[in-house]
C-alpha atoms as a PDB file:
ATOM      1  CA  MET A   1     -15.504   7.880  -3.041  1.00  0.00           C
ATOM      2  CA  THR A   2     -13.844  10.556  -5.127  1.00  0.00           C
ATOM      3  CA  ARG A   3     -15.127  10.793  -8.641  1.00  0.00           C
ATOM      4  CA  ARG A   4     -11.727  10.313 -10.207  1.00  0.00           C
ATOM      5  CA  LEU A   5     -11.645   6.648  -9.142  1.00  0.00           C
ATOM      6  CA  ARG A   6     -15.183   6.010 -10.440  1.00  0.00           C
ATOM      7  CA  TRP A   7     -15.717   3.900  -7.322  1.00  0.00           C
ATOM      8  CA  ALA A   8     -19.508   4.018  -7.512  1.00  0.00           C
ATOM      9  CA  ASP A   9     -19.359   2.379 -10.952  1.00  0.00           C
ATOM     10  CA  SER A  10     -16.929  -0.383 -10.024  1.00  0.00           C
ATOM     11  CA  PRO A  11     -17.768  -4.058  -9.363  1.00  0.00           C
ATOM     12  CA  ALA A  12     -15.864  -3.765  -6.091  1.00  0.00           C
ATOM     13  CA  HIS A  13     -18.180  -0.975  -4.911  1.00  0.00           C
ATOM     14  CA  ARG A  14     -21.273  -3.000  -5.795  1.00  0.00           C
ATOM     15  CA  LYS A  15     -19.887  -5.968  -3.862  1.00  0.00           C
ATOM     16  CA  GLN A  16     -19.027  -3.758  -0.899  1.00  0.00           C
ATOM     17  CA  ALA A  17     -22.583  -2.452  -0.895  1.00  0.00           C
ATOM     18  CA  ARG A  18     -23.670  -5.996   0.039  1.00  0.00           C
ATOM     19  CA  MET A  19     -21.211  -6.201   2.937  1.00  0.00           C
ATOM     20  CA  PRO A  20     -22.506  -5.896   6.499  1.00  0.00           C
ATOM     21  CA  MET A  21     -22.053  -2.370   7.778  1.00  0.00           C
ATOM     22  CA  MET A  22     -18.951  -2.018   9.932  1.00  0.00           C
ATOM     23  CA  ASP A  23     -17.364   0.491  12.283  1.00  0.00           C
ATOM     24  CA  ILE A  24     -13.833   0.854  10.919  1.00  0.00           C
ATOM     25  CA  ALA A  25     -10.843   2.775  12.277  1.00  0.00           C
ATOM     26  CA  VAL A  26      -8.142   3.912   9.843  1.00  0.00           C
ATOM     27  CA  THR A  27      -4.624   5.215  10.499  1.00  0.00           C
ATOM     28  CA  GLY A  28      -2.643   6.999   7.795  1.00  0.00           C
ATOM     29  CA  ALA A  29      -5.881   8.424   6.395  1.00  0.00           C
ATOM     30  CA  SER A  30      -4.148  11.386   4.750  1.00  0.00           C
ATOM     31  CA  GLY A  31      -1.780   9.294   2.604  1.00  0.00           C
ATOM     32  CA  LEU A  32      -2.275   8.161  -0.984  1.00  0.00           C
ATOM     33  CA  ILE A  33      -4.065   4.963   0.007  1.00  0.00           C
ATOM     34  CA  GLY A  34      -5.855   6.254   3.087  1.00  0.00           C
ATOM     35  CA  SER A  35      -7.254   9.345   1.375  1.00  0.00           C
ATOM     36  CA  ALA A  36      -8.913   7.081  -1.191  1.00  0.00           C
ATOM     37  CA  LEU A  37      -9.905   4.309   1.220  1.00  0.00           C
ATOM     38  CA  VAL A  38     -11.805   6.431   3.749  1.00  0.00           C
ATOM     39  CA  PRO A  39     -14.312   7.949   1.296  1.00  0.00           C
ATOM     40  CA  ALA A  40     -14.681   4.569  -0.418  1.00  0.00           C
ATOM     41  CA  LEU A  41     -15.673   2.895   2.837  1.00  0.00           C
ATOM     42  CA  ARG A  42     -18.010   5.720   3.777  1.00  0.00           C
ATOM     43  CA  SER A  43     -19.673   5.593   0.370  1.00  0.00           C
ATOM     44  CA  GLY A  44     -20.410   1.940   1.129  1.00  0.00           C
ATOM     45  CA  GLY A  45     -22.280   2.932   4.268  1.00  0.00           C
ATOM     46  CA  HIS A  46     -19.573   2.063   6.792  1.00  0.00           C
ATOM     47  CA  THR A  47     -18.786   4.241   9.781  1.00  0.00           C
ATOM     48  CA  VAL A  48     -15.147   5.313   9.555  1.00  0.00           C
ATOM     49  CA  ARG A  49     -13.106   6.908  12.309  1.00  0.00           C
ATOM     50  CA  THR A  50      -9.608   8.159  11.591  1.00  0.00           C
ATOM     51  CA  LEU A  51      -6.689   8.273  14.016  1.00  0.00           C
ATOM     52  CA  VAL A  52      -5.009  11.683  14.013  1.00  0.00           C
ATOM     53  CA  ARG A  53      -1.961  13.138  15.745  1.00  0.00           C
ATOM     54  CA  ARG A  54      -3.603  16.543  16.308  1.00  0.00           C
ATOM     55  CA  GLN A  55      -6.600  17.571  18.383  1.00  0.00           C
ATOM     56  CA  PRO A  56      -9.706  15.756  17.013  1.00  0.00           C
ATOM     57  CA  ARG A  57     -12.170  18.019  15.226  1.00  0.00           C
ATOM     58  CA  ASP A  58     -15.220  15.829  15.842  1.00  0.00           C
ATOM     59  CA  SER A  59     -16.338  12.361  16.924  1.00  0.00           C
ATOM     60  CA  SER A  60     -15.102  10.816  13.658  1.00  0.00           C
ATOM     61  CA  GLU A  61     -11.492  11.398  14.762  1.00  0.00           C
ATOM     62  CA  ILE A  62      -9.481   9.638  17.469  1.00  0.00           C
ATOM     63  CA  SER A  63      -6.350  11.174  18.973  1.00  0.00           C
ATOM     64  CA  TRP A  64      -3.152   9.149  19.184  1.00  0.00           C
ATOM     65  CA  ASP A  65       0.568   9.807  19.370  1.00  0.00           C
ATOM     66  CA  PRO A  66       2.722   6.776  18.478  1.00  0.00           C
ATOM     67  CA  ALA A  67       5.951   8.587  19.317  1.00  0.00           C
ATOM     68  CA  SER A  68       4.900   9.096  22.922  1.00  0.00           C
ATOM     69  CA  GLY A  69       2.912   5.856  23.166  1.00  0.00           C
ATOM     70  CA  THR A  70      -0.403   7.644  23.663  1.00  0.00           C
ATOM     71  CA  LEU A  71      -3.641   5.918  22.670  1.00  0.00           C
ATOM     72  CA  ASP A  72      -6.645   5.342  24.894  1.00  0.00           C
ATOM     73  CA  PRO A  73      -7.998   1.839  24.132  1.00  0.00           C
ATOM     74  CA  ALA A  74     -11.465   3.025  25.172  1.00  0.00           C
ATOM     75  CA  ALA A  75     -11.486   5.332  22.140  1.00  0.00           C
ATOM     76  CA  LEU A  76     -11.560   2.216  19.936  1.00  0.00           C
ATOM     77  CA  ALA A  77     -14.434   0.556  21.786  1.00  0.00           C
ATOM     78  CA  GLY A  78     -17.037  -0.793  19.391  1.00  0.00           C
ATOM     79  CA  VAL A  79     -14.715  -0.823  16.392  1.00  0.00           C
ATOM     80  CA  ASP A  80     -15.192  -3.885  14.162  1.00  0.00           C
ATOM     81  CA  ALA A  81     -12.025  -3.499  12.093  1.00  0.00           C
ATOM     82  CA  ILE A  82      -8.836  -1.447  11.867  1.00  0.00           C
ATOM     83  CA  VAL A  83      -6.912  -0.603   8.707  1.00  0.00           C
ATOM     84  CA  HIS A  84      -3.457   0.516   9.802  1.00  0.00           C
ATOM     85  CA  LEU A  85      -1.590   2.417   7.084  1.00  0.00           C
ATOM     86  CA  ALA A  86       0.521   4.928   9.035  1.00  0.00           C
ATOM     87  CA  GLY A  87       4.281   5.190   8.551  1.00  0.00           C
ATOM     88  CA  ALA A  88       6.905   7.615   7.286  1.00  0.00           C
ATOM     89  CA  GLY A  89       7.181   7.605   3.493  1.00  0.00           C
ATOM     90  CA  VAL A  90       9.933   5.354   2.188  1.00  0.00           C
ATOM     91  CA  GLY A  91      10.627   7.467  -0.897  1.00  0.00           C
ATOM     92  CA  ASP A  92       9.994  10.904   0.571  1.00  0.00           C
ATOM     93  CA  HIS A  93      13.593  11.684   1.561  1.00  0.00           C
ATOM     94  CA  ARG A  94      17.143  10.573   0.941  1.00  0.00           C
ATOM     95  CA  TRP A  95      18.007   7.675   3.239  1.00  0.00           C
ATOM     96  CA  THR A  96      20.195   9.273   5.865  1.00  0.00           C
ATOM     97  CA  ASN A  97      20.772   7.231   9.009  1.00  0.00           C
ATOM     98  CA  SER A  98      18.331   9.441  10.903  1.00  0.00           C
ATOM     99  CA  TYR A  99      15.612   9.073   8.261  1.00  0.00           C
ATOM    100  CA  LYS A 100      16.058   5.306   8.114  1.00  0.00           C
ATOM    101  CA  ARG A 101      15.514   5.281  11.876  1.00  0.00           C
ATOM    102  CA  GLN A 102      12.358   7.340  11.356  1.00  0.00           C
ATOM    103  CA  ILE A 103      11.075   4.876   8.743  1.00  0.00           C
ATOM    104  CA  LEU A 104      11.562   1.980  11.158  1.00  0.00           C
ATOM    105  CA  ASP A 105      10.372   3.670  14.336  1.00  0.00           C
ATOM    106  CA  SER A 106       7.237   5.141  12.765  1.00  0.00           C
ATOM    107  CA  ARG A 107       6.130   1.649  11.795  1.00  0.00           C
ATOM    108  CA  VAL A 108       7.168  -0.387  14.807  1.00  0.00           C
ATOM    109  CA  ALA A 109       6.118   2.095  17.495  1.00  0.00           C
ATOM    110  CA  GLY A 110       2.735   2.835  15.943  1.00  0.00           C
ATOM    111  CA  THR A 111       1.909  -0.799  15.219  1.00  0.00           C
ATOM    112  CA  THR A 112       3.002  -1.984  18.662  1.00  0.00           C
ATOM    113  CA  LEU A 113       0.892   0.716  20.316  1.00  0.00           C
ATOM    114  CA  LEU A 114      -2.167  -0.063  18.208  1.00  0.00           C
ATOM    115  CA  ALA A 115      -1.895  -3.855  18.588  1.00  0.00           C
ATOM    116  CA  GLY A 116      -1.576  -3.517  22.357  1.00  0.00           C
ATOM    117  CA  ALA A 117      -4.641  -1.294  22.539  1.00  0.00           C
ATOM    118  CA  LEU A 118      -6.691  -3.773  20.519  1.00  0.00           C
ATOM    119  CA  ALA A 119      -5.611  -6.636  22.756  1.00  0.00           C
ATOM    120  CA  ASP A 120      -6.930  -4.704  25.777  1.00  0.00           C
ATOM    121  CA  LEU A 121     -10.422  -4.311  24.335  1.00  0.00           C
ATOM    122  CA  ASP A 122     -13.379  -6.506  25.252  1.00  0.00           C
ATOM    123  CA  PRO A 123     -14.932  -7.296  22.885  1.00  0.00           C
ATOM    124  CA  ARG A 124     -12.033  -7.002  20.476  1.00  0.00           C
ATOM    125  CA  PRO A 125     -12.264  -6.002  16.819  1.00  0.00           C
ATOM    126  CA  ARG A 126     -12.620  -8.862  14.368  1.00  0.00           C
ATOM    127  CA  VAL A 127      -9.752  -7.895  12.087  1.00  0.00           C
ATOM    128  CA  LEU A 128      -6.613  -5.779  11.846  1.00  0.00           C
ATOM    129  CA  LEU A 129      -5.353  -5.080   8.324  1.00  0.00           C
ATOM    130  CA  SER A 130      -1.837  -3.804   8.909  1.00  0.00           C
ATOM    131  CA  ALA A 131       0.296  -2.281   6.167  1.00  0.00           C
ATOM    132  CA  SER A 132       3.551  -3.905   5.145  1.00  0.00           C
ATOM    133  CA  GLY A 133       5.463  -4.004   1.885  1.00  0.00           C
ATOM    134  CA  ILE A 134       6.997  -6.276  -0.701  1.00  0.00           C
ATOM    135  CA  GLY A 135      10.321  -5.012   0.607  1.00  0.00           C
ATOM    136  CA  TRP A 136       9.937  -8.110   2.820  1.00  0.00           C
ATOM    137  CA  TYR A 137      11.303 -10.224  -0.072  1.00  0.00           C
ATOM    138  CA  GLY A 138      14.422  -8.171  -0.755  1.00  0.00           C
ATOM    139  CA  ASN A 139      15.885  -8.347  -4.255  1.00  0.00           C
ATOM    140  CA  THR A 140      14.456 -11.465  -5.921  1.00  0.00           C
ATOM    141  CA  GLY A 141      15.961 -11.017  -9.385  1.00  0.00           C
ATOM    142  CA  ASP A 142      13.982 -12.934 -12.007  1.00  0.00           C
ATOM    143  CA  HIS A 143      12.521 -15.387  -9.478  1.00  0.00           C
ATOM    144  CA  THR A 144       8.770 -15.323  -8.939  1.00  0.00           C
ATOM    145  CA  VAL A 145       7.802 -15.148  -5.262  1.00  0.00           C
ATOM    146  CA  ASP A 146       4.591 -15.388  -3.261  1.00  0.00           C
ATOM    147  CA  GLU A 147       3.572 -15.345   0.397  1.00  0.00           C
ATOM    148  CA  SER A 148       5.299 -18.676   1.071  1.00  0.00           C
ATOM    149  CA  THR A 149       8.714 -17.212   0.165  1.00  0.00           C
ATOM    150  CA  PRO A 150      11.018 -16.487   3.135  1.00  0.00           C
ATOM    151  CA  GLY A 151      12.051 -12.944   3.900  1.00  0.00           C
ATOM    152  CA  GLY A 152      14.980 -11.450   2.023  1.00  0.00           C
ATOM    153  CA  THR A 153      17.821  -9.183   3.053  1.00  0.00           C
ATOM    154  CA  GLY A 154      18.305  -5.432   3.114  1.00  0.00           C
ATOM    155  CA  PHE A 155      16.970  -2.480   5.065  1.00  0.00           C
ATOM    156  CA  LEU A 156      13.374  -2.721   3.827  1.00  0.00           C
ATOM    157  CA  ALA A 157      13.299  -6.467   4.462  1.00  0.00           C
ATOM    158  CA  GLU A 158      14.374  -5.818   8.042  1.00  0.00           C
ATOM    159  CA  VAL A 159      11.805  -3.037   8.419  1.00  0.00           C
ATOM    160  CA  SER A 160       9.015  -5.214   7.038  1.00  0.00           C
ATOM    161  CA  ALA A 161       9.890  -8.094   9.354  1.00  0.00           C
ATOM    162  CA  ALA A 162       9.882  -5.831  12.420  1.00  0.00           C
ATOM    163  CA  TRP A 163       6.706  -4.112  11.232  1.00  0.00           C
ATOM    164  CA  GLU A 164       4.789  -7.367  10.852  1.00  0.00           C
ATOM    165  CA  ALA A 165       6.087  -8.740  14.145  1.00  0.00           C
ATOM    166  CA  SER A 166       4.727  -5.647  15.892  1.00  0.00           C
ATOM    167  CA  THR A 167       1.142  -6.894  15.445  1.00  0.00           C
ATOM    168  CA  ALA A 168       1.823  -9.870  17.765  1.00  0.00           C
ATOM    169  CA  ALA A 169      -0.224  -8.582  20.710  1.00  0.00           C
ATOM    170  CA  ALA A 170      -3.377  -8.333  18.589  1.00  0.00           C
ATOM    171  CA  ALA A 171      -2.846 -11.719  16.928  1.00  0.00           C
ATOM    172  CA  ASN A 172      -2.148 -13.416  20.256  1.00  0.00           C
ATOM    173  CA  ALA A 173      -5.382 -11.942  21.624  1.00  0.00           C
ATOM    174  CA  GLY A 174      -7.376 -13.601  18.831  1.00  0.00           C
ATOM    175  CA  VAL A 175      -7.729 -10.731  16.357  1.00  0.00           C
ATOM    176  CA  ARG A 176      -7.486 -11.835  12.717  1.00  0.00           C
ATOM    177  CA  VAL A 177      -4.409 -10.043  11.385  1.00  0.00           C
ATOM    178  CA  CYS A 178      -3.493  -9.583   7.725  1.00  0.00           C
ATOM    179  CA  HIS A 179      -0.184  -8.031   6.677  1.00  0.00           C
ATOM    180  CA  LEU A 180      -0.749  -6.007   3.513  1.00  0.00           C
ATOM    181  CA  ARG A 181       2.460  -6.460   1.523  1.00  0.00           C
ATOM    182  CA  THR A 182       1.758  -3.743  -0.995  1.00  0.00           C
ATOM    183  CA  GLY A 183       3.720  -3.209  -4.179  1.00  0.00           C
ATOM    184  CA  VAL A 184       4.090   0.065  -6.089  1.00  0.00           C
ATOM    185  CA  VAL A 185       0.664   1.718  -6.035  1.00  0.00           C
ATOM    186  CA  LEU A 186      -0.133   3.368  -9.368  1.00  0.00           C
ATOM    187  CA  SER A 187      -2.285   6.486  -9.421  1.00  0.00           C
ATOM    188  CA  PRO A 188      -2.060   9.616 -11.573  1.00  0.00           C
ATOM    189  CA  HIS A 189      -2.910  11.647  -8.476  1.00  0.00           C
ATOM    190  CA  GLY A 190      -0.021  10.659  -6.220  1.00  0.00           C
ATOM    191  CA  GLY A 191       2.937   8.392  -5.633  1.00  0.00           C
ATOM    192  CA  ALA A 192       5.561   7.322  -8.155  1.00  0.00           C
ATOM    193  CA  LEU A 193       3.366   7.479 -11.264  1.00  0.00           C
ATOM    194  CA  ALA A 194       2.245  11.047 -10.576  1.00  0.00           C
ATOM    195  CA  ARG A 195       5.909  12.096 -10.397  1.00  0.00           C
ATOM    196  CA  GLN A 196       6.715  10.298 -13.651  1.00  0.00           C
ATOM    197  CA  LEU A 197       3.818  11.509 -15.770  1.00  0.00           C
ATOM    198  CA  PRO A 198       5.061  15.086 -16.387  1.00  0.00           C
ATOM    199  CA  LEU A 199       8.454  13.800 -17.547  1.00  0.00           C
ATOM    200  CA  PHE A 200       6.914  11.223 -19.875  1.00  0.00           C
ATOM    201  CA  ARG A 201       4.452  13.773 -21.273  1.00  0.00           C
ATOM    202  CA  PHE A 202       7.417  15.930 -22.310  1.00  0.00           C
ATOM    203  CA  GLY A 203       9.163  12.954 -23.919  1.00  0.00           C
ATOM    204  CA  LEU A 204      11.730  12.755 -21.118  1.00  0.00           C
ATOM    205  CA  GLY A 205      10.747   9.337 -19.811  1.00  0.00           C
ATOM    206  CA  GLY A 206      13.127   6.424 -19.846  1.00  0.00           C
ATOM    207  CA  ARG A 207      14.160   3.217 -18.196  1.00  0.00           C
ATOM    208  CA  LEU A 208      16.062   3.098 -14.935  1.00  0.00           C
ATOM    209  CA  GLY A 209      19.399   1.323 -14.956  1.00  0.00           C
ATOM    210  CA  SER A 210      19.358  -1.803 -17.090  1.00  0.00           C
ATOM    211  CA  GLY A 211      15.565  -1.868 -17.152  1.00  0.00           C
ATOM    212  CA  ARG A 212      15.646  -5.619 -16.512  1.00  0.00           C
ATOM    213  CA  GLN A 213      14.506  -5.300 -12.899  1.00  0.00           C
ATOM    214  CA  TRP A 214      10.962  -6.489 -12.189  1.00  0.00           C
ATOM    215  CA  LEU A 215       8.308  -4.053 -10.966  1.00  0.00           C
ATOM    216  CA  SER A 216       5.397  -5.414  -8.924  1.00  0.00           C
ATOM    217  CA  TRP A 217       2.596  -2.875  -9.054  1.00  0.00           C
ATOM    218  CA  ILE A 218      -1.096  -2.481  -8.206  1.00  0.00           C
ATOM    219  CA  SER A 219      -3.591   0.160  -9.301  1.00  0.00           C
ATOM    220  CA  LEU A 220      -5.009   2.353  -6.557  1.00  0.00           C
ATOM    221  CA  ASP A 221      -8.479   1.109  -7.485  1.00  0.00           C
ATOM    222  CA  ASP A 222      -7.426  -2.489  -6.835  1.00  0.00           C
ATOM    223  CA  GLU A 223      -5.547  -1.547  -3.661  1.00  0.00           C
ATOM    224  CA  ILE A 224      -8.730  -0.053  -2.198  1.00  0.00           C
ATOM    225  CA  ALA A 225     -10.948  -2.862  -3.449  1.00  0.00           C
ATOM    226  CA  ALA A 226      -8.580  -5.539  -2.107  1.00  0.00           C
ATOM    227  CA  ILE A 227      -8.494  -3.933   1.330  1.00  0.00           C
ATOM    228  CA  SER A 228     -12.291  -3.809   1.348  1.00  0.00           C
ATOM    229  CA  PHE A 229     -12.377  -7.465   0.274  1.00  0.00           C
ATOM    230  CA  LEU A 230     -10.051  -8.514   3.096  1.00  0.00           C
ATOM    231  CA  LEU A 231     -12.218  -6.864   5.746  1.00  0.00           C
ATOM    232  CA  THR A 232     -14.666  -9.761   5.476  1.00  0.00           C
ATOM    233  CA  ALA A 233     -12.442 -12.525   4.027  1.00  0.00           C
ATOM    234  CA  GLU A 234     -12.654 -14.493   7.274  1.00  0.00           C
ATOM    235  CA  THR A 235     -10.366 -17.332   6.181  1.00  0.00           C
ATOM    236  CA  VAL A 236      -7.470 -15.047   5.265  1.00  0.00           C
ATOM    237  CA  ARG A 237      -4.825 -14.107   7.808  1.00  0.00           C
ATOM    238  CA  GLY A 238      -1.087 -13.476   7.781  1.00  0.00           C
ATOM    239  CA  PRO A 239       0.792 -12.031   4.773  1.00  0.00           C
ATOM    240  CA  VAL A 240      -1.194 -10.983   1.702  1.00  0.00           C
ATOM    241  CA  ASN A 241       0.585  -9.624  -1.371  1.00  0.00           C
ATOM    242  CA  LEU A 242      -1.272  -6.631  -2.746  1.00  0.00           C
ATOM    243  CA  THR A 243       0.234  -6.675  -6.229  1.00  0.00           C
ATOM    244  CA  SER A 244      -1.290  -7.284  -9.630  1.00  0.00           C
ATOM    245  CA  PRO A 245      -0.838 -10.716 -11.233  1.00  0.00           C
ATOM    246  CA  GLY A 246       1.029  -8.997 -14.082  1.00  0.00           C
ATOM    247  CA  PRO A 247       4.407  -7.710 -12.882  1.00  0.00           C
ATOM    248  CA  VAL A 248       6.585  -6.192 -15.601  1.00  0.00           C
ATOM    249  CA  THR A 249      10.208  -5.208 -16.073  1.00  0.00           C
ATOM    250  CA  ASN A 250      11.114  -1.558 -15.754  1.00  0.00           C
ATOM    251  CA  ALA A 251      11.848  -1.471 -19.488  1.00  0.00           C
ATOM    252  CA  ALA A 252       8.373  -2.859 -20.248  1.00  0.00           C
ATOM    253  CA  PHE A 253       6.787  -0.358 -17.859  1.00  0.00           C
ATOM    254  CA  THR A 254       8.633   2.465 -19.622  1.00  0.00           C
ATOM    255  CA  ARG A 255       7.486   1.329 -23.068  1.00  0.00           C
ATOM    256  CA  THR A 256       3.884   0.827 -21.937  1.00  0.00           C
ATOM    257  CA  LEU A 257       3.636   4.231 -20.287  1.00  0.00           C
ATOM    258  CA  GLY A 258       5.206   5.935 -23.298  1.00  0.00           C
ATOM    259  CA  THR A 259       2.755   4.184 -25.631  1.00  0.00           C
ATOM    260  CA  ALA A 260      -0.224   5.105 -23.439  1.00  0.00           C
ATOM    261  CA  LEU A 261       0.851   8.751 -23.577  1.00  0.00           C
ATOM    262  CA  HIS A 262       1.823   8.609 -27.266  1.00  0.00           C
ATOM    263  CA  ARG A 263       5.279   9.865 -26.361  1.00  0.00           C
ATOM    264  CA  PRO A 264       8.770   8.476 -27.005  1.00  0.00           C
ATOM    265  CA  ALA A 265      10.449   6.911 -23.973  1.00  0.00           C
ATOM    266  CA  PHE A 266      13.902   5.945 -25.172  1.00  0.00           C
ATOM    267  CA  LEU A 267      16.069   7.677 -22.571  1.00  0.00           C
ATOM    268  CA  ALA A 268      17.891   5.822 -19.804  1.00  0.00           C
ATOM    269  CA  ILE A 269      19.214   6.850 -16.408  1.00  0.00           C
ATOM    270  CA  PRO A 270      22.328   4.828 -15.533  1.00  0.00           C
ATOM    271  CA  GLY A 271      22.302   2.989 -12.242  1.00  0.00           C
ATOM    272  CA  VAL A 272      25.402   4.843 -11.062  1.00  0.00           C
ATOM    273  CA  VAL A 273      23.590   8.178 -11.426  1.00  0.00           C
ATOM    274  CA  LEU A 274      20.605   6.889  -9.468  1.00  0.00           C
ATOM    275  CA  ARG A 275      22.914   5.719  -6.685  1.00  0.00           C
ATOM    276  CA  ILE A 276      24.542   9.153  -6.499  1.00  0.00           C
ATOM    277  CA  VAL A 277      21.193  10.949  -6.402  1.00  0.00           C
ATOM    278  CA  LEU A 278      19.185   8.534  -4.261  1.00  0.00           C
ATOM    279  CA  GLY A 279      21.822   6.861  -2.142  1.00  0.00           C
ATOM    280  CA  GLY A 280      20.664   3.591  -0.557  1.00  0.00           C
ATOM    281  CA  LEU A 281      17.125   4.113  -1.839  1.00  0.00           C
ATOM    282  CA  ALA A 282      18.343   3.384  -5.384  1.00  0.00           C
ATOM    283  CA  ASP A 283      19.224  -0.274  -4.835  1.00  0.00           C
ATOM    284  CA  GLU A 284      16.138  -1.021  -2.744  1.00  0.00           C
ATOM    285  CA  GLY A 285      13.763   1.172  -4.719  1.00  0.00           C
ATOM    286  CA  ALA A 286      14.426   2.225  -8.303  1.00  0.00           C
ATOM    287  CA  LEU A 287      16.788  -0.648  -9.143  1.00  0.00           C
ATOM    288  CA  VAL A 288      15.440  -3.490  -6.998  1.00  0.00           C
ATOM    289  CA  SER A 289      13.931  -6.461  -8.837  1.00  0.00           C
ATOM    290  CA  GLN A 290      10.810  -7.975  -7.273  1.00  0.00           C
ATOM    291  CA  ARG A 291       8.544 -10.320  -9.204  1.00  0.00           C
ATOM    292  CA  VAL A 292       5.767 -10.791  -6.652  1.00  0.00           C
ATOM    293  CA  MET A 293       2.496 -12.668  -7.209  1.00  0.00           C
ATOM    294  CA  PRO A 294      -0.764 -12.208  -5.232  1.00  0.00           C
ATOM    295  CA  GLY A 295      -1.242 -15.886  -4.409  1.00  0.00           C
ATOM    296  CA  VAL A 296      -3.304 -15.536  -1.223  1.00  0.00           C
ATOM    297  CA  LEU A 297      -5.537 -12.820  -2.625  1.00  0.00           C
ATOM    298  CA  THR A 298      -6.423 -14.644  -5.837  1.00  0.00           C
ATOM    299  CA  ASP A 299      -6.882 -17.960  -4.022  1.00  0.00           C
ATOM    300  CA  ALA A 300      -9.378 -16.226  -1.746  1.00  0.00           C
ATOM    301  CA  GLY A 301     -11.438 -15.215  -4.773  1.00  0.00           C
ATOM    302  CA  TYR A 302     -10.445 -11.623  -5.387  1.00  0.00           C
ATOM    303  CA  VAL A 303     -10.757 -10.544  -9.036  1.00  0.00           C
ATOM    304  CA  PHE A 304      -8.566  -7.679 -10.221  1.00  0.00           C
ATOM    305  CA  SER A 305     -10.040  -4.755 -12.126  1.00  0.00           C
ATOM    306  CA  HIS A 306      -6.578  -4.081 -13.599  1.00  0.00           C
ATOM    307  CA  ALA A 307      -4.642  -7.315 -13.988  1.00  0.00           C
ATOM    308  CA  ASP A 308      -2.364  -6.024 -16.766  1.00  0.00           C
ATOM    309  CA  LEU A 309      -0.383  -2.815 -16.965  1.00  0.00           C
ATOM    310  CA  ASP A 310      -1.698  -1.646 -20.331  1.00  0.00           C
ATOM    311  CA  SER A 311      -5.341  -1.571 -19.174  1.00  0.00           C
ATOM    312  CA  ALA A 312      -4.372   0.052 -15.881  1.00  0.00           C
ATOM    313  CA  LEU A 313      -2.347   2.885 -17.425  1.00  0.00           C
ATOM    314  CA  THR A 314      -4.862   3.444 -20.217  1.00  0.00           C
ATOM    315  CA  ALA A 315      -7.661   3.869 -17.673  1.00  0.00           C
ATOM    316  CA  MET A 316      -5.614   6.224 -15.493  1.00  0.00           C
ATOM    317  CA  ILE A 317      -4.487   8.412 -18.360  1.00  0.00           C
ATOM    318  CA  SER A 318      -8.033   8.569 -19.734  1.00  0.00           C
ATOM    319  CA  GLU A 319      -9.119   9.907 -16.331  1.00  0.00           C
ATOM    320  CA  THR A 320      -6.470  12.616 -16.263  1.00  0.00           C
ATOM    321  CA  ASP A 321      -7.167  13.603 -19.885  1.00  0.00           C
ATOM    322  CA  GLY A 322     -10.914  13.708 -19.281  1.00  0.00           C
ATOM    323  CA  ARG A 323     -11.704  11.100 -21.898  1.00  0.00           C
END
């Protein structure tokens, strides 16, 4: 894995080294999670093949086109597991009607295509780990939720429900399916935290809205380690919350990040401004309150490297500062 994650030194890497070697296919390999997952799996000795929308460069790549429904099931022959991460970025653009359709279609079409291809294989892969999100729960306020909580309301809740339902063909064919309901993935090299760090370093960080909304997060290290763990967690299927056991309010996150950087973080961006700038993304992203616990993951025996925000941010900032 990349040096910045110190994967080779982590307990998760040592445990993975004892895993049976697998042939694993990965979609969304160029994203924040995928670009860390693929080298991590390969460093553990696994064979990894990535699904790409362009012409494959070599035998480690498999061509597919979800938009046109193109994927040859034979290309996946011999695969033991699939980690499906592909989908248009939720926070990459303002939520116009056309982009909301792209968010939904990119998930449902790709997942339906992949699940159908897996169902046609003989023998079939043992497991499909399919991305989802904690958007499933909608706005939960101060209430703590876990995998037993019913789905909420809102655009992302509807997307998550359709996304998870799209794996039905694989599940009905006997493939073990886990829905990875991932929270906000923290990494100094991408995603929300990477966009925040420059502002906080200049003393321009601050809470969003009231700051009372709950943020359910997971470090990129734990995201990768948890996915690796689930590849062989034979008793686990269905929804799995990939969030740390230490969710925090936005105000607490702001204070903790400011402290870790030794910078003031006393500014505030009013909710009305966020709604003007972000549109519908504000209420389901920056201002949504989700206090999500990783019940299934911890019950299965997974141990977090970063269970609290302070240790997670301190480690990440030490990496970026070269300490």
